[in-house]
């Protein structure tokens, strides 16, 4: 069923009446606050928060352990702090956070070591990060230093057979305690180096 317009009233007149009544109704409503104008100072702050690549700041303490190699092929353990972060967005529609690109991963391995497992002195299969997710484990360097890792600890090691050291560097590793040790290992595409403790 069709609806006929009011007799003697054109569409233009009806539109003007509706517009007039709507404007009177809306004028009685509280107005939404208008945003402050984008002054040059405010514009700069907005741009900085959206992508602040030049703001090189580091977290208070992004800790990791480095199993590194000296020229003579001996291995050593150094507690280090990552540097060279940028405070910027990591993903779209996210707030700024500390971001540091790392070397490209070549392989990711998830592994579990049984209680009592021990590996005699051996080189790492690749330059890699080892992140402990459960249980505990320990490494020994050839200089006699040791380190026990618990969940949340990060190890970076480049004691591989491809090391430019005078001999193949090695380390000992084994599980600590009576519970399995779980790790995430991220092997990376980079060349092993010598005499560069805490190089990240």
Protein backbone atom coordinates (compact mmCIF):
# COMPACT_ATOMS: atom_id res chain seq x y z
CA UNK A 1 0.00 0.00 0.00
CA UNK A 2 1.46 3.36 -0.99
CA UNK A 3 1.40 6.44 1.28
CA UNK A 4 0.37 9.71 -0.27
CA UNK A 5 1.96 13.00 0.81
CA UNK A 6 -0.13 15.55 2.73
CA UNK A 7 -2.52 17.22 0.34
CA UNK A 8 -1.20 20.48 -1.05
CA UNK A 9 2.32 19.92 0.31
CA UNK A 10 5.26 19.47 -2.02
CA UNK A 11 8.26 17.30 -1.22
CA UNK A 12 10.51 20.35 -0.89
CA UNK A 13 8.18 21.89 1.72
CA UNK A 14 8.07 18.64 3.69
CA UNK A 15 11.88 18.39 3.62
CA UNK A 16 12.23 21.97 4.90
CA UNK A 17 9.75 21.30 7.74
CA UNK A 18 11.54 18.11 8.80
CA UNK A 19 14.92 19.84 8.68
CA UNK A 20 13.58 22.77 10.75
CA UNK A 21 12.06 20.53 13.45
CA UNK A 22 15.18 18.36 13.63
CA UNK A 23 17.42 21.39 14.04
CA UNK A 24 15.22 22.71 16.89
CA UNK A 25 15.27 19.30 18.59
CA UNK A 26 19.01 18.89 18.24
CA UNK A 27 19.65 22.41 19.52
CA UNK A 28 18.22 21.36 22.88
CA UNK A 29 20.67 18.47 23.30
CA UNK A 30 24.04 18.93 25.01
CA UNK A 31 26.75 19.52 22.48
CA UNK A 32 29.63 17.07 22.18
CA UNK A 33 32.98 18.58 23.19
CA UNK A 34 35.05 19.48 20.18
CA UNK A 35 38.66 18.31 20.03
CA UNK A 36 41.34 20.89 20.53
CA UNK A 37 42.83 22.23 17.31
CA UNK A 38 45.93 20.46 16.08
CA UNK A 39 48.57 22.99 16.96
CA UNK A 40 52.11 22.33 15.76
CA UNK A 41 53.13 21.07 19.21
CA UNK A 42 50.19 18.67 19.51
CA UNK A 43 50.71 17.45 15.96
CA UNK A 44 54.32 16.58 16.74
CA UNK A 45 53.28 14.60 19.81
CA UNK A 46 50.71 12.66 17.80
CA UNK A 47 53.27 11.79 15.13
CA UNK A 48 55.77 10.74 17.81
CA UNK A 49 53.29 8.38 19.42
CA UNK A 50 52.30 6.83 16.10
CA UNK A 51 55.77 5.96 14.83
CA UNK A 52 58.72 7.19 16.87
CA UNK A 53 61.58 5.47 15.09
CA UNK A 54 64.15 8.05 16.13
CA UNK A 55 63.39 7.73 19.84
CA UNK A 56 66.12 5.26 20.75
CA UNK A 57 65.40 4.22 24.32
CA UNK A 58 66.10 0.99 26.14
CA UNK A 59 64.05 -0.89 28.74
CA UNK A 60 65.32 -0.61 32.29
CA UNK A 61 66.70 -4.16 32.21
CA UNK A 62 66.28 -6.57 29.29
CA UNK A 63 68.60 -9.26 30.63
CA UNK A 64 70.18 -12.21 28.85
CA UNK A 65 73.17 -14.52 29.28
CA UNK A 66 75.84 -14.74 26.59
CA UNK A 67 77.94 -17.86 26.17
CA UNK A 68 80.74 -16.32 24.12
CA UNK A 69 84.05 -17.42 22.64
CA UNK A 70 87.50 -15.90 22.95
CA UNK A 71 90.10 -16.08 20.18
CA UNK A 72 91.81 -19.07 21.81
CA UNK A 73 88.58 -21.09 21.54
CA UNK A 74 87.72 -21.03 25.24
CA UNK A 75 84.10 -20.34 26.18
CA UNK A 76 82.93 -17.85 28.80
CA UNK A 77 79.65 -16.78 30.43
CA UNK A 78 78.67 -13.12 30.68
CA UNK A 79 75.49 -11.56 32.06
CA UNK A 80 74.43 -8.81 29.68
CA UNK A 81 71.70 -6.33 28.87
CA UNK A 82 70.17 -5.83 25.42
CA UNK A 83 70.39 -2.33 23.98
CA UNK A 84 69.36 -0.52 20.82
CA UNK A 85 65.58 -0.59 21.26
CA UNK A 86 63.13 1.81 19.63
CA UNK A 87 59.98 2.99 21.38
CA UNK A 88 57.33 2.60 18.71
CA UNK A 89 54.25 0.69 17.62
CA UNK A 90 54.84 -2.99 16.92
CA UNK A 91 51.42 -3.60 15.34
CA UNK A 92 48.67 -1.43 13.90
CA UNK A 93 46.29 0.11 16.45
CA UNK A 94 48.66 -0.66 19.33
CA UNK A 95 50.42 1.50 21.86
CA UNK A 96 54.14 2.21 21.69
CA UNK A 97 56.45 -0.42 23.15
CA UNK A 98 60.14 -1.22 23.18
CA UNK A 99 61.09 -3.00 19.93
CA UNK A 100 64.45 -4.40 18.85
CA UNK A 101 64.75 -6.34 15.58
CA UNK A 102 66.88 -9.45 15.98
CA UNK A 103 68.74 -11.60 13.47
CA UNK A 104 66.52 -13.55 11.11
CA UNK A 105 65.52 -16.97 12.45
CA UNK A 106 66.44 -20.02 10.39
CA UNK A 107 64.87 -22.68 12.59
CA UNK A 108 62.70 -22.95 15.71
CA UNK A 109 62.90 -26.03 17.93
CA UNK A 110 60.77 -27.01 20.93
CA UNK A 111 62.53 -29.49 23.19
CA UNK A 112 62.22 -31.24 26.55
CA UNK A 113 65.19 -32.63 28.48
CA UNK A 114 64.56 -35.46 30.93
CA UNK A 115 65.74 -35.27 34.55
CA UNK A 116 69.30 -36.49 34.89
CA UNK A 117 70.22 -35.71 31.27
CA UNK A 118 73.80 -34.48 30.79
CA UNK A 119 75.61 -33.53 27.59
CA UNK A 120 79.40 -33.61 27.74
CA UNK A 121 81.37 -30.71 26.27
CA UNK A 122 80.10 -30.00 22.75
CA UNK A 123 79.68 -27.07 20.33
CA UNK A 124 76.28 -25.52 19.71
CA UNK A 125 74.65 -26.74 16.46
CA UNK A 126 74.07 -23.14 15.35
CA UNK A 127 74.14 -19.58 16.61
CA UNK A 128 71.00 -19.60 18.72
CA UNK A 129 68.81 -18.29 21.50
CA UNK A 130 67.66 -20.77 24.15
CA UNK A 131 64.63 -19.66 26.17
CA UNK A 132 63.78 -21.69 29.26
CA UNK A 133 60.04 -22.25 29.68
CA UNK A 134 59.88 -24.92 32.42
CA UNK A 135 62.26 -26.69 34.79
CA UNK A 136 65.94 -25.81 35.22
CA UNK A 137 69.17 -26.59 33.44
CA UNK A 138 72.84 -25.61 33.66
CA UNK A 139 75.75 -24.85 31.36
CA UNK A 140 79.48 -24.94 32.07
CA UNK A 141 81.99 -22.99 30.00
CA UNK A 142 85.55 -24.18 29.43
CA UNK A 143 86.89 -21.37 31.63
CA UNK A 144 85.15 -23.03 34.61
CA UNK A 145 82.20 -20.63 34.90
CA UNK A 146 78.67 -22.01 35.34
CA UNK A 147 75.13 -20.74 35.04
CA UNK A 148 71.75 -22.24 36.05
CA UNK A 149 68.75 -21.23 33.93
CA UNK A 150 65.16 -21.06 35.21
CA UNK A 151 61.91 -20.23 33.36
CA UNK A 152 62.12 -16.84 31.69
CA UNK A 153 65.91 -16.88 31.27
CA UNK A 154 67.42 -16.24 27.83
CA UNK A 155 70.72 -17.68 26.62
CA UNK A 156 72.48 -16.46 23.48
CA UNK A 157 75.34 -18.64 22.27
CA UNK A 158 77.59 -18.69 19.23
CA UNK A 159 80.08 -21.42 20.20
CA UNK A 160 79.66 -23.34 16.96
CA UNK A 161 82.01 -25.39 14.79
CA UNK A 162 82.02 -22.47 12.35
CA UNK A 163 83.58 -20.16 14.97
CA UNK A 164 86.69 -18.27 13.78
CA UNK A 165 88.41 -19.19 17.06
CA UNK A 166 91.70 -21.12 17.08
CA UNK A 167 89.88 -24.30 18.10
CA UNK A 168 86.29 -25.53 18.20
CA UNK A 169 84.58 -23.96 21.24
CA UNK A 170 82.48 -26.17 23.50
CA UNK A 171 80.26 -26.14 26.58
CA UNK A 172 78.69 -28.67 28.95
CA UNK A 173 74.94 -28.76 29.66
CA UNK A 174 72.60 -30.74 31.89
CA UNK A 175 69.23 -30.74 33.65
CA UNK A 176 69.03 -29.48 37.23
CA UNK A 177 66.53 -31.08 39.63
CA UNK A 178 64.03 -33.90 39.27
CA UNK A 179 61.68 -32.25 36.77
CA UNK A 180 61.95 -32.09 32.96
CA UNK A 181 63.41 -28.96 31.42
CA UNK A 182 61.56 -27.40 28.49
CA UNK A 183 63.14 -24.96 26.05
CA UNK A 184 62.34 -22.96 22.95
CA UNK A 185 65.44 -22.77 20.73
CA UNK A 186 65.61 -20.13 17.99
CA UNK A 187 68.49 -20.68 15.59
CA UNK A 188 69.46 -17.52 13.72
CA UNK A 189 71.23 -16.60 10.49
CA UNK A 190 74.35 -14.83 11.70
CA UNK A 191 78.06 -15.48 11.75
CA UNK A 192 79.68 -16.58 15.04
CA UNK A 193 82.22 -14.10 16.42
CA UNK A 194 85.02 -14.05 18.98
CA UNK A 195 85.92 -11.66 21.79
CA UNK A 196 82.52 -9.93 21.75
CA UNK A 197 80.77 -10.62 25.07
CA UNK A 198 77.32 -9.07 25.41
CA UNK A 199 77.19 -8.12 21.73
CA UNK A 200 73.38 -7.87 21.40
